[in-house]
Amino acid sequence: MASMSEILPSFVYQLGLGGIGGFVVGYALKKLSKLVIILIGLFILVLLYLGTSGVISINYQALGEAVQGWIGLVSGAASWVIGLVSFLPFLGSFVVGFLLGFKLG
């Protein structure tokens, strides 16, 4: 049976690495998400302008079906979370670091 002194360094390592990694990823993701949202907004504005000026025709029914397909794909991806249970210390500290990085980003 492993003693506490053998388990603790691994646990602390997972917490530290998860926290630092989460912070970096959260910070970068927030900066990147701002840029992506601006680009998506500009793209939508251009599409709306082209649609109202008669240059293009937008099929809103097909657009709605595509969005529903994307939502179904995202909800189906949640099944892989079950395999992450063994990484709870790392995952917990990663999430805390991610949220801090995202907030400060």
C-alpha atoms as a PDB file:
ATOM      1  CA  MET A   1       0.000   0.000   0.000  1.00  0.00           C
ATOM      2  CA  ALA A   2       1.331   3.441  -0.929  1.00  0.00           C
ATOM      3  CA  SER A   3       2.039   5.890   1.864  1.00  0.00           C
ATOM      4  CA  MET A   4       0.696   9.422   1.908  1.00  0.00           C
ATOM      5  CA  SER A   5       4.170  10.851   1.155  1.00  0.00           C
ATOM      6  CA  GLU A   6       4.241   8.895  -2.111  1.00  0.00           C
ATOM      7  CA  ILE A   7       0.734   9.948  -3.165  1.00  0.00           C
ATOM      8  CA  LEU A   8       0.890  13.622  -2.162  1.00  0.00           C
ATOM      9  CA  PRO A   9       3.646  14.766  -4.568  1.00  0.00           C
ATOM     10  CA  SER A  10       1.757  13.269  -7.515  1.00  0.00           C
ATOM     11  CA  PHE A  11      -1.461  14.911  -6.347  1.00  0.00           C
ATOM     12  CA  VAL A  12       0.220  18.303  -5.854  1.00  0.00           C
ATOM     13  CA  TYR A  13       1.904  17.957  -9.248  1.00  0.00           C
ATOM     14  CA  GLN A  14      -1.447  17.275 -10.916  1.00  0.00           C
ATOM     15  CA  LEU A  15      -3.044  20.230  -9.150  1.00  0.00           C
ATOM     16  CA  GLY A  16      -0.212  22.610 -10.039  1.00  0.00           C
ATOM     17  CA  LEU A  17       0.080  21.500 -13.624  1.00  0.00           C
ATOM     18  CA  GLY A  18      -3.688  21.568 -14.072  1.00  0.00           C
ATOM     19  CA  GLY A  19      -3.997  25.028 -12.540  1.00  0.00           C
ATOM     20  CA  ILE A  20      -1.229  26.566 -14.608  1.00  0.00           C
ATOM     21  CA  GLY A  21      -2.358  24.839 -17.785  1.00  0.00           C
ATOM     22  CA  GLY A  22      -5.957  25.869 -17.208  1.00  0.00           C
ATOM     23  CA  PHE A  23      -4.970  29.483 -16.627  1.00  0.00           C
ATOM     24  CA  VAL A  24      -2.944  29.643 -19.843  1.00  0.00           C
ATOM     25  CA  VAL A  25      -5.640  27.955 -21.914  1.00  0.00           C
ATOM     26  CA  GLY A  26      -8.410  30.099 -20.406  1.00  0.00           C
ATOM     27  CA  TYR A  27      -6.512  33.328 -20.986  1.00  0.00           C
ATOM     28  CA  ALA A  28      -5.687  32.436 -24.588  1.00  0.00           C
ATOM     29  CA  LEU A  29      -9.188  31.141 -25.302  1.00  0.00           C
ATOM     30  CA  LYS A  30     -10.786  34.367 -24.098  1.00  0.00           C
ATOM     31  CA  LYS A  31      -8.505  36.471 -26.302  1.00  0.00           C
ATOM     32  CA  LEU A  32      -9.129  34.192 -29.272  1.00  0.00           C
ATOM     33  CA  SER A  33     -12.882  34.063 -28.676  1.00  0.00           C
ATOM     34  CA  LYS A  34     -13.110  37.855 -28.806  1.00  0.00           C
ATOM     35  CA  LEU A  35     -11.459  37.850 -32.212  1.00  0.00           C
ATOM     36  CA  VAL A  36     -13.654  35.011 -33.496  1.00  0.00           C
ATOM     37  CA  ILE A  37     -16.839  36.735 -32.292  1.00  0.00           C
ATOM     38  CA  ILE A  38     -15.843  39.971 -34.024  1.00  0.00           C
ATOM     39  CA  LEU A  39     -15.135  38.090 -37.270  1.00  0.00           C
ATOM     40  CA  ILE A  40     -18.442  36.194 -37.075  1.00  0.00           C
ATOM     41  CA  GLY A  41     -20.299  39.451 -36.443  1.00  0.00           C
ATOM     42  CA  LEU A  42     -18.669  41.119 -39.425  1.00  0.00           C
ATOM     43  CA  PHE A  43     -19.443  38.091 -41.600  1.00  0.00           C
ATOM     44  CA  ILE A  44     -23.112  38.189 -40.562  1.00  0.00           C
ATOM     45  CA  LEU A  45     -23.302  41.919 -41.259  1.00  0.00           C
ATOM     46  CA  VAL A  46     -21.830  41.390 -44.739  1.00  0.00           C
ATOM     47  CA  LEU A  47     -24.303  38.564 -45.414  1.00  0.00           C
ATOM     48  CA  LEU A  48     -27.236  40.691 -44.265  1.00  0.00           C
ATOM     49  CA  TYR A  49     -26.091  43.587 -46.419  1.00  0.00           C
ATOM     50  CA  LEU A  50     -25.674  41.351 -49.467  1.00  0.00           C
ATOM     51  CA  GLY A  51     -29.059  39.750 -48.788  1.00  0.00           C
ATOM     52  CA  THR A  52     -30.908  43.068 -48.510  1.00  0.00           C
ATOM     53  CA  SER A  53     -29.187  44.504 -51.583  1.00  0.00           C
ATOM     54  CA  GLY A  54     -30.271  41.479 -53.640  1.00  0.00           C
ATOM     55  CA  VAL A  55     -26.782  40.180 -54.380  1.00  0.00           C
ATOM     56  CA  ILE A  56     -27.402  36.865 -52.599  1.00  0.00           C
ATOM     57  CA  SER A  57     -30.440  34.895 -51.466  1.00  0.00           C
ATOM     58  CA  ILE A  58     -30.363  33.251 -48.013  1.00  0.00           C
ATOM     59  CA  ASN A  59     -32.226  29.957 -47.501  1.00  0.00           C
ATOM     60  CA  TYR A  60     -33.270  30.367 -43.864  1.00  0.00           C
ATOM     61  CA  GLN A  61     -34.796  26.873 -43.651  1.00  0.00           C
ATOM     62  CA  ALA A  62     -31.493  25.228 -44.639  1.00  0.00           C
ATOM     63  CA  LEU A  63     -29.646  27.533 -42.245  1.00  0.00           C
ATOM     64  CA  GLY A  64     -31.930  26.477 -39.384  1.00  0.00           C
ATOM     65  CA  GLU A  65     -31.408  22.793 -40.187  1.00  0.00           C
ATOM     66  CA  ALA A  66     -27.637  23.264 -40.216  1.00  0.00           C
ATOM     67  CA  VAL A  67     -27.700  24.977 -36.817  1.00  0.00           C
ATOM     68  CA  GLN A  68     -29.836  22.151 -35.392  1.00  0.00           C
ATOM     69  CA  GLY A  69     -27.293  19.638 -36.716  1.00  0.00           C
ATOM     70  CA  TRP A  70     -24.447  21.472 -35.002  1.00  0.00           C
ATOM     71  CA  ILE A  71     -26.351  21.544 -31.713  1.00  0.00           C
ATOM     72  CA  GLY A  72     -26.974  17.795 -31.954  1.00  0.00           C
ATOM     73  CA  LEU A  73     -23.273  17.184 -32.613  1.00  0.00           C
ATOM     74  CA  VAL A  74     -22.242  19.202 -29.570  1.00  0.00           C
ATOM     75  CA  SER A  75     -24.706  17.438 -27.265  1.00  0.00           C
ATOM     76  CA  GLY A  76     -23.477  14.026 -28.493  1.00  0.00           C
ATOM     77  CA  ALA A  77     -19.882  14.905 -27.637  1.00  0.00           C
ATOM     78  CA  ALA A  78     -20.701  14.950 -23.921  1.00  0.00           C
ATOM     79  CA  SER A  79     -20.529  11.137 -23.732  1.00  0.00           C
ATOM     80  CA  TRP A  80     -16.702  11.152 -23.645  1.00  0.00           C
ATOM     81  CA  VAL A  81     -16.751  12.947 -20.291  1.00  0.00           C
ATOM     82  CA  ILE A  82     -17.226   9.614 -18.509  1.00  0.00           C
ATOM     83  CA  GLY A  83     -13.625   8.647 -19.268  1.00  0.00           C
ATOM     84  CA  LEU A  84     -12.278  11.748 -17.532  1.00  0.00           C
ATOM     85  CA  VAL A  85     -13.287  10.686 -14.023  1.00  0.00           C
ATOM     86  CA  SER A  86      -9.758   9.459 -13.182  1.00  0.00           C
ATOM     87  CA  PHE A  87      -8.375  12.923 -13.925  1.00  0.00           C
ATOM     88  CA  LEU A  88     -10.498  14.784 -11.353  1.00  0.00           C
ATOM     89  CA  PRO A  89      -7.626  16.469  -9.423  1.00  0.00           C
ATOM     90  CA  PHE A  90      -6.041  17.671 -12.649  1.00  0.00           C
ATOM     91  CA  LEU A  91      -9.404  18.558 -14.155  1.00  0.00           C
ATOM     92  CA  GLY A  92     -10.540  20.474 -11.077  1.00  0.00           C
ATOM     93  CA  SER A  93      -7.425  22.598 -10.881  1.00  0.00           C
ATOM     94  CA  PHE A  94      -7.478  23.033 -14.659  1.00  0.00           C
ATOM     95  CA  VAL A  95     -11.025  24.388 -14.498  1.00  0.00           C
ATOM     96  CA  VAL A  96     -10.131  26.801 -11.686  1.00  0.00           C
ATOM     97  CA  GLY A  97      -7.059  27.992 -13.587  1.00  0.00           C
ATOM     98  CA  PHE A  98      -9.092  28.225 -16.800  1.00  0.00           C
ATOM     99  CA  LEU A  99     -11.745  30.375 -15.140  1.00  0.00           C
ATOM    100  CA  LEU A 100      -9.107  32.668 -13.621  1.00  0.00           C
ATOM    101  CA  GLY A 101      -7.324  33.008 -16.946  1.00  0.00           C
ATOM    102  CA  PHE A 102     -10.582  33.581 -18.778  1.00  0.00           C
ATOM    103  CA  LYS A 103     -11.637  36.237 -16.260  1.00  0.00           C
ATOM    104  CA  LEU A 104      -8.298  38.052 -16.420  1.00  0.00           C
ATOM    105  CA  GLY A 105      -7.973  37.684 -20.232  1.00  0.00           C
END
